N, C-alpha and C. Protein backbone atom coordinates (compact mmCIF):
# COMPACT_ATOMS: atom_id res chain seq x y z
N MET A 1 0.85 -1.19 0.01
CA MET A 1 0.00 0.00 0.00
C MET A 1 0.88 1.23 0.01
N THR A 2 0.55 2.19 -0.83
CA THR A 2 1.33 3.42 -0.93
C THR A 2 0.78 4.46 0.04
N GLU A 3 1.68 5.11 0.76
CA GLU A 3 1.26 6.16 1.69
C GLU A 3 0.99 7.42 0.86
N SER A 4 -0.08 8.10 1.25
CA SER A 4 -0.42 9.34 0.60
C SER A 4 0.00 10.51 1.50
N TRP A 5 0.79 11.42 0.94
CA TRP A 5 1.26 12.54 1.73
C TRP A 5 0.48 13.79 1.33
N ILE A 6 0.00 14.50 2.33
CA ILE A 6 -0.62 15.79 2.08
C ILE A 6 0.49 16.82 2.18
N LEU A 7 0.66 17.59 1.12
CA LEU A 7 1.74 18.58 1.09
C LEU A 7 1.22 19.98 1.33
N MET A 8 2.12 20.78 1.85
CA MET A 8 1.83 22.22 2.01
C MET A 8 3.02 22.97 1.46
N GLU A 9 2.81 24.24 1.17
CA GLU A 9 3.90 25.08 0.68
C GLU A 9 4.15 26.21 1.66
N VAL A 10 5.45 26.48 1.88
CA VAL A 10 5.86 27.63 2.68
C VAL A 10 6.85 28.45 1.88
N ASP A 11 6.86 29.73 2.11
CA ASP A 11 7.82 30.63 1.46
C ASP A 11 9.02 30.78 2.37
N VAL A 12 10.22 30.52 1.81
CA VAL A 12 11.43 30.53 2.60
C VAL A 12 12.38 31.63 2.08
N HIS A 13 12.92 32.39 3.01
CA HIS A 13 13.88 33.46 2.70
C HIS A 13 15.16 33.15 3.48
N LEU A 14 16.25 32.98 2.75
CA LEU A 14 17.56 32.73 3.38
C LEU A 14 18.41 33.97 3.28
N PHE A 15 19.23 34.21 4.29
CA PHE A 15 20.10 35.37 4.32
C PHE A 15 21.56 34.95 4.35
N SER A 16 22.38 35.85 3.85
CA SER A 16 23.84 35.79 3.95
C SER A 16 24.38 34.45 3.50
N THR A 17 25.21 33.84 4.37
CA THR A 17 25.93 32.61 3.99
C THR A 17 25.00 31.42 3.74
N LEU A 18 23.77 31.48 4.23
CA LEU A 18 22.83 30.36 4.01
C LEU A 18 22.38 30.29 2.55
N GLN A 19 22.55 31.35 1.80
CA GLN A 19 22.18 31.36 0.39
C GLN A 19 23.19 30.59 -0.47
N LYS A 20 24.39 30.42 0.02
CA LYS A 20 25.45 29.81 -0.78
C LYS A 20 25.02 28.40 -1.19
N LYS A 21 24.99 28.14 -2.49
CA LYS A 21 24.58 26.88 -3.10
C LYS A 21 23.14 26.53 -2.82
N ARG A 22 22.33 27.53 -2.44
CA ARG A 22 20.91 27.30 -2.20
C ARG A 22 20.13 28.33 -3.02
N PHE A 23 19.53 29.24 -2.36
CA PHE A 23 18.66 30.26 -2.98
C PHE A 23 18.49 31.42 -2.00
N ARG A 24 17.92 32.49 -2.51
CA ARG A 24 17.57 33.63 -1.65
C ARG A 24 16.11 33.48 -1.18
N GLU A 25 15.23 33.25 -2.13
CA GLU A 25 13.81 33.05 -1.83
C GLU A 25 13.28 31.90 -2.66
N ALA A 26 12.43 31.07 -2.02
CA ALA A 26 11.84 29.94 -2.74
C ALA A 26 10.57 29.51 -2.04
N ARG A 27 9.70 28.88 -2.80
CA ARG A 27 8.50 28.25 -2.24
C ARG A 27 8.84 26.75 -2.13
N ILE A 28 8.75 26.22 -0.92
CA ILE A 28 9.16 24.86 -0.63
C ILE A 28 7.95 24.03 -0.24
N GLN A 29 7.87 22.80 -0.75
CA GLN A 29 6.81 21.86 -0.37
C GLN A 29 7.30 20.98 0.77
N LEU A 30 6.47 20.86 1.78
CA LEU A 30 6.75 20.00 2.93
C LEU A 30 5.52 19.15 3.23
N GLN A 31 5.74 18.08 3.94
CA GLN A 31 4.62 17.26 4.39
C GLN A 31 3.81 18.07 5.41
N GLU A 32 2.51 18.02 5.31
CA GLU A 32 1.66 18.72 6.28
C GLU A 32 2.04 18.28 7.69
N GLY A 33 2.13 19.23 8.61
CA GLY A 33 2.53 18.93 9.99
C GLY A 33 4.03 19.07 10.23
N ALA A 34 4.78 19.43 9.20
CA ALA A 34 6.23 19.59 9.34
C ALA A 34 6.53 20.79 10.26
N CYS A 35 7.70 20.76 10.85
CA CYS A 35 8.14 21.85 11.69
C CYS A 35 9.44 22.45 11.10
N ILE A 36 9.92 23.47 11.76
CA ILE A 36 11.15 24.14 11.30
C ILE A 36 12.32 23.15 11.15
N THR A 37 12.45 22.24 12.08
CA THR A 37 13.54 21.24 12.01
C THR A 37 13.45 20.44 10.72
N ASP A 38 12.25 20.06 10.32
CA ASP A 38 12.05 19.32 9.06
C ASP A 38 12.50 20.14 7.86
N LEU A 39 12.15 21.43 7.89
CA LEU A 39 12.56 22.32 6.80
C LEU A 39 14.07 22.45 6.74
N LEU A 40 14.70 22.65 7.87
CA LEU A 40 16.17 22.75 7.91
C LEU A 40 16.84 21.48 7.38
N SER A 41 16.30 20.35 7.75
CA SER A 41 16.83 19.07 7.27
C SER A 41 16.72 19.00 5.74
N LEU A 42 15.57 19.32 5.22
CA LEU A 42 15.37 19.32 3.77
C LEU A 42 16.36 20.21 3.05
N LEU A 43 16.68 21.35 3.66
CA LEU A 43 17.61 22.32 3.06
C LEU A 43 19.07 22.06 3.42
N SER A 44 19.34 21.00 4.18
CA SER A 44 20.71 20.69 4.65
C SER A 44 21.34 21.85 5.39
N ILE A 45 20.56 22.42 6.30
CA ILE A 45 21.04 23.50 7.14
C ILE A 45 21.10 22.99 8.57
N SER A 46 22.26 23.05 9.18
CA SER A 46 22.42 22.64 10.56
C SER A 46 21.82 23.69 11.49
N SER A 47 21.26 23.25 12.61
CA SER A 47 20.73 24.23 13.58
C SER A 47 21.84 25.14 14.11
N ASP A 48 23.09 24.65 14.09
CA ASP A 48 24.22 25.47 14.51
C ASP A 48 24.46 26.66 13.58
N ASP A 49 23.97 26.55 12.34
CA ASP A 49 24.15 27.59 11.33
C ASP A 49 23.02 28.61 11.35
N VAL A 50 22.10 28.47 12.32
CA VAL A 50 20.94 29.35 12.39
C VAL A 50 21.05 30.26 13.61
N GLY A 51 20.96 31.56 13.38
CA GLY A 51 21.01 32.51 14.47
C GLY A 51 19.61 33.04 14.83
N ILE A 52 18.80 33.28 13.79
CA ILE A 52 17.47 33.84 14.01
C ILE A 52 16.47 33.10 13.10
N LEU A 53 15.35 32.72 13.69
CA LEU A 53 14.25 32.09 12.95
C LEU A 53 13.02 32.98 13.08
N ILE A 54 12.39 33.28 11.96
CA ILE A 54 11.19 34.10 11.98
C ILE A 54 10.13 33.41 11.12
N VAL A 55 8.91 33.29 11.66
CA VAL A 55 7.78 32.77 10.89
C VAL A 55 6.66 33.80 10.97
N ASN A 56 6.25 34.26 9.81
CA ASN A 56 5.18 35.26 9.72
C ASN A 56 5.46 36.48 10.60
N ASN A 57 6.70 36.97 10.52
CA ASN A 57 7.15 38.17 11.23
C ASN A 57 7.16 38.03 12.77
N GLN A 58 7.23 36.79 13.25
CA GLN A 58 7.29 36.52 14.68
C GLN A 58 8.49 35.60 14.95
N ASP A 59 9.14 35.78 16.11
CA ASP A 59 10.22 34.86 16.50
C ASP A 59 9.69 33.45 16.50
N ALA A 60 10.54 32.52 16.08
CA ALA A 60 10.14 31.10 15.98
C ALA A 60 11.15 30.22 16.68
N THR A 61 10.75 28.97 16.91
CA THR A 61 11.61 27.95 17.51
C THR A 61 11.79 26.80 16.54
N PHE A 62 12.80 25.98 16.79
CA PHE A 62 13.09 24.84 15.90
C PHE A 62 11.92 23.85 15.84
N ASP A 63 11.19 23.69 16.92
CA ASP A 63 10.12 22.69 16.94
C ASP A 63 8.76 23.30 16.58
N GLN A 64 8.75 24.51 16.11
CA GLN A 64 7.49 25.19 15.75
C GLN A 64 6.89 24.53 14.51
N PRO A 65 5.61 24.12 14.59
CA PRO A 65 4.94 23.57 13.42
C PRO A 65 4.71 24.65 12.36
N LEU A 66 4.75 24.23 11.12
CA LEU A 66 4.52 25.16 10.01
C LEU A 66 3.14 24.90 9.41
N ASN A 67 2.59 25.93 8.80
CA ASN A 67 1.27 25.83 8.15
C ASN A 67 1.37 26.31 6.72
N GLU A 68 0.42 25.88 5.92
CA GLU A 68 0.33 26.29 4.52
C GLU A 68 0.44 27.80 4.41
N GLY A 69 1.34 28.27 3.54
CA GLY A 69 1.49 29.69 3.27
C GLY A 69 2.35 30.47 4.24
N ASP A 70 2.91 29.81 5.24
CA ASP A 70 3.80 30.50 6.17
C ASP A 70 4.99 31.11 5.46
N ALA A 71 5.45 32.23 5.96
CA ALA A 71 6.68 32.88 5.48
C ALA A 71 7.77 32.67 6.51
N VAL A 72 8.80 31.93 6.12
CA VAL A 72 9.88 31.56 7.02
C VAL A 72 11.17 32.30 6.61
N THR A 73 11.77 32.99 7.57
CA THR A 73 13.04 33.66 7.35
C THR A 73 14.10 33.03 8.23
N ILE A 74 15.22 32.67 7.61
CA ILE A 74 16.33 32.03 8.35
C ILE A 74 17.55 32.87 8.17
N ILE A 75 18.12 33.31 9.31
CA ILE A 75 19.28 34.18 9.32
C ILE A 75 20.39 33.48 10.09
N PRO A 76 21.62 33.46 9.54
CA PRO A 76 22.72 32.83 10.25
C PRO A 76 23.15 33.67 11.45
N PRO A 77 23.95 33.08 12.35
CA PRO A 77 24.50 33.87 13.46
C PRO A 77 25.27 35.06 12.94
N ILE A 78 25.18 36.16 13.64
CA ILE A 78 25.87 37.38 13.23
C ILE A 78 26.99 37.65 14.24
N GLY A 79 28.21 37.78 13.73
CA GLY A 79 29.32 38.03 14.59
C GLY A 79 29.94 39.38 14.25
N GLY A 80 30.79 39.83 15.08
CA GLY A 80 31.46 41.09 14.80
C GLY A 80 32.07 41.63 16.07
N GLY A 81 32.70 42.72 15.92
CA GLY A 81 33.34 43.22 17.11
C GLY A 81 33.65 44.66 17.08
């Protein structure tokens, strides 16, 4: 028996070094019920490479569930001195 997956789409915006070999903005399909961690895994982004997570203009967490049409912004850690 084949499993049927219900998919949803989220808009993803990557900043700075996270764009390297990826994209700046894209619409990504995920299985319904996916969370930020699932998205990062799909994009091959380590949680160590994430400084700020934003979903729909609000601070987000790695275990935050995503919904159809969410806008996700991922920013790497910012250093300087």
